[in-house]
Amino acid sequence: MRTGFSGEVAGYYARHRRGYPPEVIDAIGRTFGLGGQDVVVDLGCGTGQLSVPLAARVGTLVGVDPAPDMLTRARHAARDAGRDNTIWLLGDDRNLPALGPLVGDRRLAALTVAVAIHFMDRDLLFRRARTLLRAGGGVAVVTNGTPLWLQDTEWSPVLRGCLQRLVGRPVTAACQTDEAGRRRNRDALAAAGYRYLESSVRYAAPLTVEDMVGGVFSAMSADQLPAPARRAAFADEVRTALDGRDAVTEQVEVWLQFGLLDRAERFGADR
């Protein structure tokens, strides 16, 4: 899993990455029958955009991320939200088996991965997760919309053009949020023996130029981040290219891909 989200990048991530509407949290809770006795692990938790609201639905939320600065931001977000049932661990998908002794007989109700699956070995991850999940539990892969620079809107190509001039090359990375990426998740979940479900939540929301630019910088590693003066110039360039507008409308589609274990399945069963 990538560890380059540090320093100012973590700050951009915390301030400008869009969170999740209640419908997404409801869908996860309903699918796994989450309750006050359950333990959920949010792997690649970042600064807590999914972890913190999900903590309100469970007994214990464990956020795992390889970047210390991201975990610090997540811990602060949980504290500000009054979520004292959260635990923040430094680690990645390779460390998942080590959670077994920590969880003990309670087992996991769910493992969630939001906007981070493209950094992981999903085939191995999904197989290993089976040994930690309770009956009726499972895996949720959450995709929080298409990257800002690849959306089907009038403003996205404008942003992409500015971004390509900033980095000096074409910008085409979809971060596996497209159909091909979702198909990889679907195939890997099926191969690991899960029952597969899929749904999505669509909504329109305002997107300020500040959040647009901050979202771009949040996707860079710390060593790729331009100097402060160049960042300010980039923001001015984007605003000018958008005819001076300070905000646009973003059409967001959050995809939820679920891998479910049978409710009668023996704890720790592996196939």
Foldseek 3Di string as FASTA:
>chain_A
DDAQCDDVLLVLCLPQPDADDVVVLVVQCVQLVAAAAAEEEEFQCFLPSPQQVNLVHYNAYEYEHQYPRRQVNNVVVNVVVVRPRYHYYHDHLVCVVVCDVVCDPRFHSEYEYELCCLVDPLLVSQQSNQQRHAQSGWYKYKYWFWQQCPDPDPLNVLLQVLVCVVQVHHDDDRSLSDPVSVVVNVVSLVVFPFDKDKDKDKDKDKHFLSSSLSSVSSPDGPVPRDDPVVSVVSSVSSCVSVVNDGIDMDIIMMMIMITTHHNPDDRSDGD
